[in-house]
Amino acid sequence: MAETAQQYMKRILSKVDGDPLTIQAATKPALEHLIREVPAAHLKRRPSPDHWSIGEILAHLADAEIVTAFRIRKILSEPGSIISAYDQDLWEANLNYKARDPFQSAREFGLLRDMNLAVLHNLTEEQWEHYGMHEERGRESVRQLVRLCAGHDINHLKQIEVILKDSDSSRPAA
């Protein structure tokens, strides 16, 4: 059974233990460290047919950061506006994540993340409470969106770590 929007929010927010901006700032170097010595072919290998490869996760993170950039700017410029949901699986299939260069996706993510953090670091206390109406999750302030993004980062970093650990343990010793 698919996870509801409320279940997703609860699961993702439960991962956030600390300042969401600090977590978000740490994601780019963490990703760079995790994939630095990993061959692109390995990053493109799915751990199983129904789970994304690290490369697909990196492409998703880059595209999710585009979505986040738009949502933040939409909420700040048009408080109370509708925030569209999107289907990550359709994006993965139709934007051909499996063919994307994982290292390029990581660079794109990092650039977009830096741009978003620059905007967030300049917000007033009042702007943090501006909100949009997410189609599935309801009222969502900039503060809440930033916490969700931090939890999303943690979720995917852990997925990447598990994939790398599992693939290391399945390789024969040299």
N, C-alpha and C. Protein backbone atom coordinates (compact mmCIF):
# COMPACT_ATOMS: atom_id res chain seq x y z
N MET A 1 0.83 -1.18 0.00
CA MET A 1 0.00 0.00 0.00
C MET A 1 0.88 1.25 0.00
N ALA A 2 0.52 2.21 -0.83
CA ALA A 2 1.29 3.44 -0.95
C ALA A 2 1.17 4.29 0.31
N GLU A 3 2.22 5.00 0.58
CA GLU A 3 2.28 5.89 1.74
C GLU A 3 1.43 7.13 1.47
N THR A 4 0.65 7.57 2.46
CA THR A 4 -0.14 8.80 2.31
C THR A 4 0.79 10.01 2.48
N ALA A 5 0.30 11.17 2.08
CA ALA A 5 1.09 12.40 2.24
C ALA A 5 1.42 12.64 3.71
N GLN A 6 0.47 12.37 4.60
CA GLN A 6 0.70 12.56 6.03
C GLN A 6 1.73 11.56 6.56
N GLN A 7 1.66 10.31 6.11
CA GLN A 7 2.65 9.31 6.53
C GLN A 7 4.04 9.68 6.03
N TYR A 8 4.11 10.16 4.80
CA TYR A 8 5.38 10.59 4.23
C TYR A 8 5.97 11.73 5.07
N MET A 9 5.16 12.73 5.35
CA MET A 9 5.64 13.87 6.13
C MET A 9 6.15 13.42 7.50
N LYS A 10 5.39 12.58 8.16
CA LYS A 10 5.80 12.10 9.49
C LYS A 10 7.12 11.35 9.41
N ARG A 11 7.26 10.47 8.42
CA ARG A 11 8.49 9.69 8.27
C ARG A 11 9.68 10.59 7.97
N ILE A 12 9.51 11.50 7.04
CA ILE A 12 10.62 12.37 6.63
C ILE A 12 11.00 13.35 7.75
N LEU A 13 9.99 13.95 8.39
CA LEU A 13 10.29 14.91 9.46
C LEU A 13 10.93 14.24 10.66
N SER A 14 10.64 12.96 10.88
CA SER A 14 11.23 12.25 12.02
C SER A 14 12.74 12.10 11.88
N LYS A 15 13.27 12.26 10.69
CA LYS A 15 14.70 12.12 10.44
C LYS A 15 15.48 13.39 10.79
N VAL A 16 14.76 14.50 10.97
CA VAL A 16 15.42 15.79 11.19
C VAL A 16 15.67 16.01 12.68
N ASP A 17 16.94 15.93 13.04
CA ASP A 17 17.35 16.17 14.41
C ASP A 17 18.46 17.21 14.37
N GLY A 18 18.07 18.45 14.39
CA GLY A 18 19.04 19.54 14.28
C GLY A 18 18.52 20.62 13.37
N ASP A 19 19.37 21.58 13.10
CA ASP A 19 18.99 22.72 12.26
C ASP A 19 18.88 22.30 10.80
N PRO A 20 17.71 22.49 10.19
CA PRO A 20 17.51 22.05 8.80
C PRO A 20 18.46 22.71 7.81
N LEU A 21 18.82 23.97 8.04
CA LEU A 21 19.75 24.63 7.11
C LEU A 21 21.15 24.02 7.22
N THR A 22 21.56 23.66 8.42
CA THR A 22 22.86 23.00 8.60
C THR A 22 22.86 21.64 7.91
N ILE A 23 21.77 20.92 8.06
CA ILE A 23 21.63 19.62 7.40
C ILE A 23 21.71 19.79 5.90
N GLN A 24 20.98 20.77 5.38
CA GLN A 24 20.98 20.98 3.93
C GLN A 24 22.35 21.41 3.42
N ALA A 25 23.04 22.25 4.18
CA ALA A 25 24.38 22.69 3.77
C ALA A 25 25.37 21.52 3.76
N ALA A 26 25.16 20.54 4.61
CA ALA A 26 26.07 19.40 4.69
C ALA A 26 25.81 18.35 3.62
N THR A 27 24.68 18.41 2.96
CA THR A 27 24.33 17.36 1.99
C THR A 27 25.25 17.36 0.78
N LYS A 28 25.53 18.51 0.23
CA LYS A 28 26.39 18.57 -0.97
C LYS A 28 27.76 17.93 -0.71
N PRO A 29 28.49 18.34 0.34
CA PRO A 29 29.78 17.67 0.57
C PRO A 29 29.64 16.20 0.92
N ALA A 30 28.56 15.83 1.59
CA ALA A 30 28.36 14.41 1.91
C ALA A 30 28.18 13.59 0.64
N LEU A 31 27.40 14.09 -0.29
CA LEU A 31 27.22 13.39 -1.57
C LEU A 31 28.54 13.28 -2.32
N GLU A 32 29.27 14.39 -2.38
CA GLU A 32 30.56 14.39 -3.08
C GLU A 32 31.49 13.35 -2.47
N HIS A 33 31.53 13.27 -1.16
CA HIS A 33 32.38 12.30 -0.47
C HIS A 33 31.94 10.86 -0.79
N LEU A 34 30.64 10.61 -0.75
CA LEU A 34 30.13 9.26 -0.97
C LEU A 34 30.44 8.73 -2.37
N ILE A 35 30.35 9.58 -3.38
CA ILE A 35 30.49 9.09 -4.76
C ILE A 35 31.86 9.34 -5.37
N ARG A 36 32.73 10.02 -4.66
CA ARG A 36 34.02 10.46 -5.21
C ARG A 36 34.80 9.34 -5.92
N GLU A 37 34.94 8.22 -5.31
CA GLU A 37 35.78 7.14 -5.86
C GLU A 37 34.97 6.02 -6.53
N VAL A 38 33.69 6.25 -6.75
CA VAL A 38 32.83 5.20 -7.28
C VAL A 38 32.71 5.36 -8.79
N PRO A 39 32.98 4.33 -9.56
CA PRO A 39 32.85 4.41 -11.02
C PRO A 39 31.39 4.71 -11.43
N ALA A 40 31.24 5.47 -12.49
CA ALA A 40 29.90 5.84 -12.97
C ALA A 40 29.05 4.61 -13.25
N ALA A 41 29.65 3.57 -13.81
CA ALA A 41 28.88 2.36 -14.11
C ALA A 41 28.30 1.76 -12.84
N HIS A 42 29.05 1.82 -11.77
CA HIS A 42 28.56 1.29 -10.48
C HIS A 42 27.41 2.16 -9.95
N LEU A 43 27.53 3.47 -10.14
CA LEU A 43 26.48 4.39 -9.67
C LEU A 43 25.18 4.20 -10.44
N LYS A 44 25.29 3.69 -11.65
CA LYS A 44 24.11 3.50 -12.50
C LYS A 44 23.44 2.14 -12.31
N ARG A 45 24.05 1.27 -11.52
CA ARG A 45 23.52 -0.08 -11.32
C ARG A 45 22.44 -0.06 -10.24
N ARG A 46 21.27 -0.57 -10.59
CA ARG A 46 20.18 -0.66 -9.61
C ARG A 46 20.46 -1.81 -8.64
N PRO A 47 20.21 -1.58 -7.34
CA PRO A 47 20.41 -2.65 -6.37
C PRO A 47 19.40 -3.78 -6.55
N SER A 48 18.24 -3.45 -7.11
CA SER A 48 17.22 -4.43 -7.47
C SER A 48 16.33 -3.77 -8.52
N PRO A 49 15.56 -4.55 -9.24
CA PRO A 49 14.74 -3.96 -10.32
C PRO A 49 13.76 -2.87 -9.84
N ASP A 50 13.31 -2.96 -8.61
CA ASP A 50 12.32 -2.01 -8.12
C ASP A 50 12.90 -0.90 -7.23
N HIS A 51 14.23 -0.78 -7.18
CA HIS A 51 14.87 0.28 -6.40
C HIS A 51 15.80 1.10 -7.30
N TRP A 52 15.77 2.40 -7.11
CA TRP A 52 16.61 3.29 -7.92
C TRP A 52 18.08 3.05 -7.66
N SER A 53 18.87 3.30 -8.70
CA SER A 53 20.32 3.30 -8.57
C SER A 53 20.74 4.60 -7.87
N ILE A 54 22.00 4.66 -7.48
CA ILE A 54 22.53 5.90 -6.90
C ILE A 54 22.43 7.02 -7.93
N GLY A 55 22.73 6.73 -9.18
CA GLY A 55 22.61 7.75 -10.23
C GLY A 55 21.20 8.28 -10.36
N GLU A 56 20.22 7.39 -10.26
CA GLU A 56 18.82 7.83 -10.34
C GLU A 56 18.45 8.66 -9.11
N ILE A 57 18.97 8.29 -7.95
CA ILE A 57 18.73 9.09 -6.74
C ILE A 57 19.34 10.47 -6.90
N LEU A 58 20.54 10.55 -7.45
CA LEU A 58 21.19 11.85 -7.66
C LEU A 58 20.41 12.71 -8.64
N ALA A 59 19.90 12.11 -9.71
CA ALA A 59 19.07 12.85 -10.67
C ALA A 59 17.79 13.34 -9.99
N HIS A 60 17.21 12.49 -9.16
CA HIS A 60 16.02 12.87 -8.40
C HIS A 60 16.32 14.04 -7.47
N LEU A 61 17.44 13.98 -6.77
CA LEU A 61 17.79 15.07 -5.86
C LEU A 61 17.97 16.38 -6.62
N ALA A 62 18.59 16.34 -7.78
CA ALA A 62 18.75 17.55 -8.58
C ALA A 62 17.39 18.10 -9.01
N ASP A 63 16.52 17.24 -9.50
CA ASP A 63 15.19 17.70 -9.92
C ASP A 63 14.35 18.14 -8.74
N ALA A 64 14.46 17.46 -7.61
CA ALA A 64 13.72 17.87 -6.41
C ALA A 64 14.19 19.25 -5.96
N GLU A 65 15.45 19.55 -6.16
CA GLU A 65 15.96 20.87 -5.76
C GLU A 65 15.41 21.96 -6.68
N ILE A 66 15.18 21.63 -7.95
CA ILE A 66 14.52 22.57 -8.87
C ILE A 66 13.10 22.85 -8.36
N VAL A 67 12.40 21.79 -8.01
CA VAL A 67 11.03 21.93 -7.50
C VAL A 67 11.03 22.77 -6.22
N THR A 68 11.96 22.49 -5.33
CA THR A 68 12.06 23.24 -4.08
C THR A 68 12.36 24.71 -4.35
N ALA A 69 13.26 24.97 -5.29
CA ALA A 69 13.59 26.36 -5.64
C ALA A 69 12.33 27.10 -6.08
N PHE A 70 11.55 26.47 -6.92
CA PHE A 70 10.32 27.10 -7.39
C PHE A 70 9.34 27.31 -6.24
N ARG A 71 9.16 26.28 -5.41
CA ARG A 71 8.20 26.38 -4.31
C ARG A 71 8.57 27.49 -3.33
N ILE A 72 9.83 27.58 -2.98
CA ILE A 72 10.27 28.63 -2.06
C ILE A 72 9.96 30.00 -2.65
N ARG A 73 10.33 30.19 -3.89
CA ARG A 73 10.13 31.48 -4.54
C ARG A 73 8.65 31.80 -4.74
N LYS A 74 7.87 30.79 -5.05
CA LYS A 74 6.42 30.97 -5.22
C LYS A 74 5.79 31.39 -3.89
N ILE A 75 6.13 30.69 -2.82
CA ILE A 75 5.57 31.00 -1.50
C ILE A 75 5.99 32.40 -1.06
N LEU A 76 7.26 32.75 -1.24
CA LEU A 76 7.73 34.06 -0.81
C LEU A 76 7.13 35.19 -1.63
N SER A 77 6.91 34.96 -2.90
CA SER A 77 6.39 36.00 -3.78
C SER A 77 4.87 36.06 -3.82
N GLU A 78 4.22 34.92 -3.60
CA GLU A 78 2.76 34.83 -3.67
C GLU A 78 2.24 34.01 -2.50
N PRO A 79 2.37 34.54 -1.27
CA PRO A 79 1.93 33.76 -0.10
C PRO A 79 0.50 33.26 -0.26
N GLY A 80 0.28 32.03 0.15
CA GLY A 80 -1.04 31.42 0.08
C GLY A 80 -1.35 30.75 -1.23
N SER A 81 -0.43 30.81 -2.19
CA SER A 81 -0.69 30.24 -3.51
C SER A 81 -0.66 28.71 -3.48
N ILE A 82 -1.21 28.13 -4.52
CA ILE A 82 -1.25 26.67 -4.67
C ILE A 82 0.14 26.16 -5.04
N ILE A 83 0.57 25.11 -4.36
CA ILE A 83 1.85 24.47 -4.64
C ILE A 83 1.55 23.08 -5.22
N SER A 84 1.93 22.89 -6.45
CA SER A 84 1.65 21.63 -7.15
C SER A 84 2.48 20.48 -6.59
N ALA A 85 1.86 19.32 -6.55
CA ALA A 85 2.56 18.09 -6.24
C ALA A 85 3.16 17.57 -7.54
N TYR A 86 4.06 16.60 -7.44
CA TYR A 86 4.57 15.94 -8.64
C TYR A 86 4.82 14.48 -8.33
N ASP A 87 4.81 13.67 -9.37
CA ASP A 87 5.00 12.22 -9.24
C ASP A 87 6.45 11.90 -9.56
N GLN A 88 7.25 11.61 -8.53
CA GLN A 88 8.68 11.38 -8.73
C GLN A 88 8.95 10.19 -9.65
N ASP A 89 8.08 9.21 -9.65
CA ASP A 89 8.30 8.05 -10.52
C ASP A 89 8.08 8.39 -11.99
N LEU A 90 7.12 9.28 -12.26
CA LEU A 90 6.94 9.73 -13.64
C LEU A 90 8.11 10.59 -14.10
N TRP A 91 8.63 11.42 -13.20
CA TRP A 91 9.80 12.22 -13.53
C TRP A 91 10.98 11.29 -13.83
N GLU A 92 11.17 10.28 -13.00
CA GLU A 92 12.28 9.33 -13.19
C GLU A 92 12.17 8.66 -14.56
N ALA A 93 10.98 8.21 -14.91
CA ALA A 93 10.79 7.50 -16.18
C ALA A 93 10.87 8.44 -17.38
N ASN A 94 10.17 9.55 -17.31
CA ASN A 94 10.05 10.44 -18.46
C ASN A 94 11.24 11.37 -18.65
N LEU A 95 12.02 11.58 -17.61
CA LEU A 95 13.23 12.39 -17.73
C LEU A 95 14.49 11.51 -17.81
N ASN A 96 14.25 10.20 -17.95
CA ASN A 96 15.30 9.23 -18.23
C ASN A 96 16.47 9.31 -17.24
N TYR A 97 16.16 9.23 -15.97
CA TYR A 97 17.18 9.30 -14.93
C TYR A 97 18.29 8.28 -15.13
N LYS A 98 17.95 7.09 -15.63
CA LYS A 98 18.97 6.04 -15.76
C LYS A 98 20.06 6.42 -16.75
N ALA A 99 19.77 7.32 -17.68
CA ALA A 99 20.76 7.72 -18.68
C ALA A 99 21.58 8.94 -18.26
N ARG A 100 21.18 9.59 -17.20
CA ARG A 100 21.87 10.82 -16.79
C ARG A 100 23.21 10.50 -16.13
N ASP A 101 24.15 11.40 -16.34
CA ASP A 101 25.48 11.26 -15.74
C ASP A 101 25.36 11.54 -14.24
N PRO A 102 25.67 10.56 -13.39
CA PRO A 102 25.51 10.75 -11.95
C PRO A 102 26.34 11.90 -11.39
N PHE A 103 27.54 12.08 -11.91
CA PHE A 103 28.40 13.15 -11.41
C PHE A 103 27.86 14.52 -11.81
N GLN A 104 27.29 14.61 -13.02
CA GLN A 104 26.66 15.85 -13.46
C GLN A 104 25.43 16.13 -12.61
N SER A 105 24.64 15.11 -12.29
CA SER A 105 23.47 15.30 -11.43
C SER A 105 23.90 15.83 -10.06
N ALA A 106 24.98 15.29 -9.52
CA ALA A 106 25.49 15.76 -8.22
C ALA A 106 25.93 17.21 -8.31
N ARG A 107 26.59 17.58 -9.40
CA ARG A 107 27.01 18.99 -9.57
C ARG A 107 25.80 19.90 -9.68
N GLU A 108 24.80 19.48 -10.46
CA GLU A 108 23.58 20.28 -10.60
C GLU A 108 22.89 20.46 -9.26
N PHE A 109 22.78 19.37 -8.52
CA PHE A 109 22.18 19.45 -7.18
C PHE A 109 22.94 20.47 -6.33
N GLY A 110 24.26 20.38 -6.31
CA GLY A 110 25.06 21.28 -5.48
C GLY A 110 24.88 22.73 -5.85
N LEU A 111 24.85 23.04 -7.12
CA LEU A 111 24.66 24.41 -7.57
C LEU A 111 23.28 24.93 -7.16
N LEU A 112 22.26 24.13 -7.41
CA LEU A 112 20.90 24.52 -7.04
C LEU A 112 20.76 24.68 -5.53
N ARG A 113 21.36 23.77 -4.77
CA ARG A 113 21.29 23.84 -3.31
C ARG A 113 21.95 25.13 -2.82
N ASP A 114 23.11 25.47 -3.38
CA ASP A 114 23.79 26.71 -2.98
C ASP A 114 22.90 27.92 -3.25
N MET A 115 22.22 27.92 -4.39
CA MET A 115 21.32 29.03 -4.73
C MET A 115 20.17 29.12 -3.74
N ASN A 116 19.58 27.97 -3.40
CA ASN A 116 18.46 27.97 -2.46
C ASN A 116 18.90 28.40 -1.07
N LEU A 117 20.04 27.93 -0.62
CA LEU A 117 20.53 28.32 0.70
C LEU A 117 20.80 29.82 0.76
N ALA A 118 21.29 30.40 -0.32
CA ALA A 118 21.53 31.85 -0.35
C ALA A 118 20.23 32.61 -0.13
N VAL A 119 19.16 32.15 -0.75
CA VAL A 119 17.84 32.79 -0.55
C VAL A 119 17.40 32.60 0.90
N LEU A 120 17.50 31.39 1.41
CA LEU A 120 17.01 31.09 2.76
C LEU A 120 17.77 31.83 3.84
N HIS A 121 19.06 32.03 3.65
CA HIS A 121 19.86 32.72 4.67
C HIS A 121 19.52 34.21 4.76
N ASN A 122 18.79 34.72 3.79
CA ASN A 122 18.44 36.15 3.80
C ASN A 122 16.99 36.42 4.17
N LEU A 123 16.26 35.41 4.63
CA LEU A 123 14.85 35.59 4.96
C LEU A 123 14.68 36.31 6.30
N THR A 124 13.60 37.08 6.38
CA THR A 124 13.20 37.65 7.66
C THR A 124 12.42 36.60 8.43
N GLU A 125 12.25 36.81 9.72
CA GLU A 125 11.46 35.86 10.53
C GLU A 125 10.05 35.74 9.97
N GLU A 126 9.49 36.83 9.52
CA GLU A 126 8.13 36.82 8.94
C GLU A 126 8.08 35.95 7.67
N GLN A 127 9.10 36.04 6.84
CA GLN A 127 9.10 35.28 5.59
C GLN A 127 9.16 33.77 5.84
N TRP A 128 9.79 33.35 6.93
CA TRP A 128 9.84 31.92 7.25
C TRP A 128 8.45 31.35 7.45
N GLU A 129 7.50 32.19 7.84
CA GLU A 129 6.14 31.73 8.10
C GLU A 129 5.22 31.86 6.88
N HIS A 130 5.71 32.48 5.79
CA HIS A 130 4.90 32.52 4.57
C HIS A 130 4.61 31.07 4.17
N TYR A 131 3.47 30.86 3.57
CA TYR A 131 3.09 29.49 3.24
C TYR A 131 2.40 29.43 1.89
N GLY A 132 2.38 28.21 1.35
CA GLY A 132 1.61 27.88 0.17
C GLY A 132 0.68 26.75 0.54
N MET A 133 -0.25 26.45 -0.35
CA MET A 133 -1.19 25.36 -0.11
C MET A 133 -0.81 24.20 -1.03
N HIS A 134 -0.09 23.25 -0.46
CA HIS A 134 0.34 22.08 -1.22
C HIS A 134 -0.88 21.23 -1.56
N GLU A 135 -0.94 20.75 -2.79
CA GLU A 135 -2.10 19.98 -3.26
C GLU A 135 -2.38 18.74 -2.43
N GLU A 136 -1.35 18.11 -1.90
CA GLU A 136 -1.53 16.88 -1.13
C GLU A 136 -1.33 17.07 0.37
N ARG A 137 -0.43 17.98 0.75
CA ARG A 137 -0.06 18.10 2.16
C ARG A 137 -0.71 19.27 2.87
N GLY A 138 -1.40 20.13 2.13
CA GLY A 138 -2.07 21.27 2.75
C GLY A 138 -1.12 22.43 2.98
N ARG A 139 -1.45 23.22 3.98
CA ARG A 139 -0.69 24.44 4.30
C ARG A 139 0.76 24.08 4.63
N GLU A 140 1.69 24.71 3.91
CA GLU A 140 3.10 24.40 4.08
C GLU A 140 3.91 25.69 4.09
N SER A 141 4.47 26.03 5.25
CA SER A 141 5.28 27.24 5.37
C SER A 141 6.68 26.99 4.79
N VAL A 142 7.40 28.07 4.57
CA VAL A 142 8.79 27.94 4.13
C VAL A 142 9.55 27.14 5.19
N ARG A 143 9.32 27.43 6.46
CA ARG A 143 10.00 26.70 7.55
C ARG A 143 9.73 25.20 7.44
N GLN A 144 8.48 24.82 7.21
CA GLN A 144 8.12 23.41 7.09
C GLN A 144 8.76 22.79 5.84
N LEU A 145 8.74 23.51 4.75
CA LEU A 145 9.34 23.02 3.50
C LEU A 145 10.83 22.76 3.69
N VAL A 146 11.51 23.65 4.39
CA VAL A 146 12.94 23.48 4.63
C VAL A 146 13.20 22.25 5.51
N ARG A 147 12.37 22.03 6.51
CA ARG A 147 12.50 20.83 7.34
C ARG A 147 12.26 19.57 6.52
N LEU A 148 11.25 19.59 5.65
CA LEU A 148 10.99 18.44 4.78
C LEU A 148 12.18 18.16 3.86
N CYS A 149 12.77 19.21 3.32
CA CYS A 149 13.92 19.03 2.43
C CYS A 149 15.10 18.43 3.19
N ALA A 150 15.31 18.86 4.43
CA ALA A 150 16.39 18.30 5.24
C ALA A 150 16.16 16.81 5.49
N GLY A 151 14.94 16.45 5.83
CA GLY A 151 14.61 15.04 6.03
C GLY A 151 14.75 14.23 4.75
N HIS A 152 14.37 14.83 3.64
CA HIS A 152 14.50 14.21 2.33
C HIS A 152 15.98 13.93 2.03
N ASP A 153 16.83 14.90 2.34
CA ASP A 153 18.27 14.72 2.16
C ASP A 153 18.77 13.53 2.96
N ILE A 154 18.42 13.51 4.25
CA ILE A 154 18.88 12.43 5.14
C ILE A 154 18.40 11.08 4.62
N ASN A 155 17.15 11.02 4.20
CA ASN A 155 16.58 9.79 3.67
C ASN A 155 17.40 9.26 2.50
N HIS A 156 17.71 10.13 1.54
CA HIS A 156 18.42 9.68 0.35
C HIS A 156 19.91 9.44 0.61
N LEU A 157 20.52 10.21 1.50
CA LEU A 157 21.91 9.92 1.85
C LEU A 157 22.03 8.53 2.46
N LYS A 158 21.09 8.18 3.33
CA LYS A 158 21.10 6.85 3.94
C LYS A 158 20.89 5.76 2.88
N GLN A 159 20.00 6.01 1.92
CA GLN A 159 19.79 5.04 0.83
C GLN A 159 21.09 4.81 0.06
N ILE A 160 21.78 5.89 -0.25
CA ILE A 160 23.03 5.79 -1.00
C ILE A 160 24.07 5.02 -0.18
N GLU A 161 24.17 5.34 1.11
CA GLU A 161 25.12 4.63 1.98
C GLU A 161 24.82 3.13 2.01
N VAL A 162 23.54 2.76 2.10
CA VAL A 162 23.17 1.35 2.13
C VAL A 162 23.51 0.67 0.81
N ILE A 163 23.21 1.31 -0.30
CA ILE A 163 23.53 0.72 -1.61
C ILE A 163 25.04 0.50 -1.73
N LEU A 164 25.82 1.49 -1.33
CA LEU A 164 27.28 1.35 -1.42
C LEU A 164 27.79 0.25 -0.50
N LYS A 165 27.27 0.18 0.72
CA LYS A 165 27.69 -0.85 1.67
C LYS A 165 27.32 -2.24 1.16
N ASP A 166 26.08 -2.38 0.69
CA ASP A 166 25.63 -3.68 0.18
C ASP A 166 26.42 -4.11 -1.04
N SER A 167 26.74 -3.18 -1.91
CA SER A 167 27.49 -3.55 -3.12
C SER A 167 28.94 -3.88 -2.76
N ASP A 168 29.51 -3.22 -1.75
CA ASP A 168 30.86 -3.56 -1.30
C ASP A 168 30.93 -4.95 -0.71
N SER A 169 29.90 -5.29 0.08
CA SER A 169 29.91 -6.61 0.74
C SER A 169 29.61 -7.74 -0.22
N SER A 170 29.02 -7.43 -1.37
CA SER A 170 28.70 -8.48 -2.33
C SER A 170 29.84 -8.74 -3.31
N ARG A 171 30.85 -7.85 -3.33
CA ARG A 171 31.99 -8.04 -4.22
C ARG A 171 32.99 -9.01 -3.58
N PRO A 172 33.59 -9.84 -4.39
CA PRO A 172 34.60 -10.75 -3.84
C PRO A 172 35.83 -9.98 -3.38
N ALA A 173 36.47 -10.48 -2.35
CA ALA A 173 37.69 -9.84 -1.84
C ALA A 173 38.81 -9.94 -2.87
N ALA A 174 39.64 -8.94 -2.90
CA ALA A 174 40.74 -8.90 -3.90
C ALA A 174 41.87 -9.79 -3.48
